Amino acid sequence: MHPQFASTTAPRAMPQLYAVAPRARPSVALPSPAPVLGSLVTMRREQSVFSAGEDADYLYRVKSGCIRLTNQMQDGRRQIIEFHMPEDMFGTESLGRHALSAEAVSDAVLLRYRRQSLEQHAAENPAAARRLYDVACLGLRAAHRRMLVLGRKAAMERVASFLIDMSERIGRDEPTRFDLPMSRQDIGDYLGLTIETVSRAMSQLRREALIDLPTPHHVVLRDIAALTALSGDKG
């Protein structure tokens, strides 16, 4: 167990596996009953889940809160690779050792699964193997979309695309109103922008009546169609 975990409870049977994939987030459930147990883990804000270079013995599913995957560049700058929201799986990208670090953006509750148990179950169950394959494919789809955002979009387009994505991932019940768990610095490190550029873009979107910001973290999308058009994403 990672030494910084706040607490764990008794193992729980794993009902479902999910993978991060903007725009399309289908469940990939293991056949029931699944003889794979997950342990409930409570994380505090800014607490480390795992660090780059550590043994990748576990996979994780977010029950509540938000987790960020980060990469520390040689010059000391931080790059955020992904934000994981409730029902997302993470840790699936590792082969033996973690290439990235994972930290809690907010207080979070995770389900932790032993990788060896999942792999053994998949080896004995073709349907489970297919669903784990789907997890990997959805992760690749998200990575490809992120490459498009960083490589082909201007700053305003990146921020608009990010807000549309967050509205679908966080504001599922009310997609026009949601609270961002991450800071402006986090958003900048995710989009490859400075915190000043992110703040200017948010202010510009507000002046153009595309969004409203009642508080720094609470976002109201006032014109989703116009915001989607600005982002360059397909509606």
Foldseek 3Di string as FASTA:
>chain_A
DPPQFPDKDDWDQDFWAWADAFPDTDTQGDDPPQPWTWIKTKAAAFTWPFAFPAFLFKKKAWQAAKKWKWDQDPVGDIATADIHGHRHIDSLVDDGTHRTIMTTLHTTMMIITGPVSQVVSCVVDVSSVVSSVVNVVSNVNRNVVLCCLQPPDDLLLNLLVVLQRCLVRAVVVHSQKGFASHALCNSCSHRVHHSVSSVVSVVVCVVVVQWDPPDRGMIGGRNNPVSCVSNVDDD
